[in-house]
Amino acid sequence: MDFATVLKSLVDTLGSTVLLPVFIFLFAVILGAKVGRAFRAAVTIGVAFIGINLVIGLMWGSLAEVSQAMVTNAGISRDIVDVGWPAAAAVAFATDVGLWVIPIGLVVNFALLFTGVTKTLNVDLWNFWHYALIGSLVAAVSGNVVMGMAAAAVAAAFMLFLGDWTAKGIQEFYDLPGISIPHGMTAPMVPLALPFNWLFDKIPGLNKIDADPEGIEKALGSTFGDPMVMGFVIGIVLGLIAYTGEFAGAFVPTLGKIVVLGVNLAAVMVLLPRMVRILMEGLIPVSEAARTFMAKRASGKEVYIGLDSAVLVGHPSAISTGLLLVPIAILLSIILPGNRMLLFADLAVLPFLCAQIAPMAKGNIVRMVFVGTILLIFGFYFANALAPVITEVAGGAGFAIPDNAVMISSIADGFVWSPLAFMLLGKYTGWIGIGLFAVLTGVLFYFYKKNEAAWDKLAGAKGE
């Protein structure tokens, strides 16, 4: 059994909630933290991620049922089925590229970190599946596994750029010092959202609406503007949309389902931010050790810890926007001309898709829903275009295509522009296109470092 197989097996067996603390512990000790403090920090981080996953699981289960009810009520029938990110990740890791993506991603990250190109140490190994999917798509259309591995490496570097660029805005808006989010599903949304966020500023009336959580609380009062109450109200509204047709036959059970949905989403709004605070408690010793290490050995250069965007979705702006986009996404799936995709398993990832645009939108939920709706429109066509190749890759990896589907896709990564861009480059330009994307990534790093303050402000940082 070779090294890549052993490493992949270790990741699959331990999972992110165990592997991440182990990685954090080793990193903290290498940086000079005391073993006892590093161990406690690592365990705290593991506990926090278990809590985050449990709360997200609650949200996932609640939204899955209500989303399926909405789709059923709408009578939608399509031949491309959304199989969800867990299936997409399993397919990505099961390919020849996926087998090697973790060592590839680590080598790229360490090389760019130690040469000072990036500030981000991406410890979110599980989400390397996003690079694996990109590489697998390129390998499928080019017939060249080595080109697929090269594409995965370039994708890893590009996400590190996006993580660096958006870090200051993330840190300020979400109060997450020393954190960046090089997540392959959320980070690419930032450059795509920029022109539409600018467009919102040009729309009279809308651009004056103060709809961030603080503004909403001020307008509605401390009761109805409270994030917990907002979650409850949004849950009730979603439940009414999904289950109103069931009242005639079973009034009390239907009412019960709606109220339970409201309470569940209220719980998510309360518990996710608290789990993130526990996570930050664990990261503080690691951040301090990193700062001390870099001050002694690298003239005080910053190091960011790259994490999953799950640490963002508990913010009222992100989760409220994501929940409001659920019925919008289902409506778009019905009315968009040429759409063949049936939304199903992945509607719960909508808060993830919009989480990283919150800093540039200043947490304005109306603005985020506006921009998010446009991103969804693009996303449907991205997912439709990717479906044939994703289906081919899934078949080669032994994934069983659902009986009611001709092809498969997903919201996670399927609605993101970067996998489609890499796939088209691999198909029509081969090595030249992948090489040009690598050069583009280097150019972006160069210009970002030339004027970090301006770039940070563009991504939502407050600046000086």
Foldseek 3Di string as FASTA:
>chain_A
DDPLQVVLVVCVVQDCLRQLLVVQLVLLVVLPFDNVLSNVLSNLLSVLVVLLVVLLVLLLVLCQVLLVLLLVVVVDAFFAEAPADVLLLLLLCLDPLNSCQLVLLQVLQVVCCVVVLFQEDESRSSLLSLLSSLLLLLCLQQVNSVLSNLSSNLLSLLLRLLQRLQVQLCCVLLVQPQATASHNQASLVLVVLLVLLVVQCVDPPSVPDDAALVSQCVVVDVQCSPLLNVLLVLLLVSLCSRQVVVCVPPVVVSVVSSNVSSNSRSCLLPRLQVSLVSSSVSCVSSQVSQQVSCVVPPVRDHHGYHDHCSNQLSRSLLVSLLSVCSVVLSVCCPPPPPQRYDYHNHSSCSSVRQRQQCLVSVRRNVSSNSSSSVLSSQLRVQLVVCFVSSQVSCVVSVHDDDPSHPTYGHSRSSSRVVSVQSSVCSNPPNPVSSVVSSVVSSVSSVVCVVPVQVSNVSSRRPGD
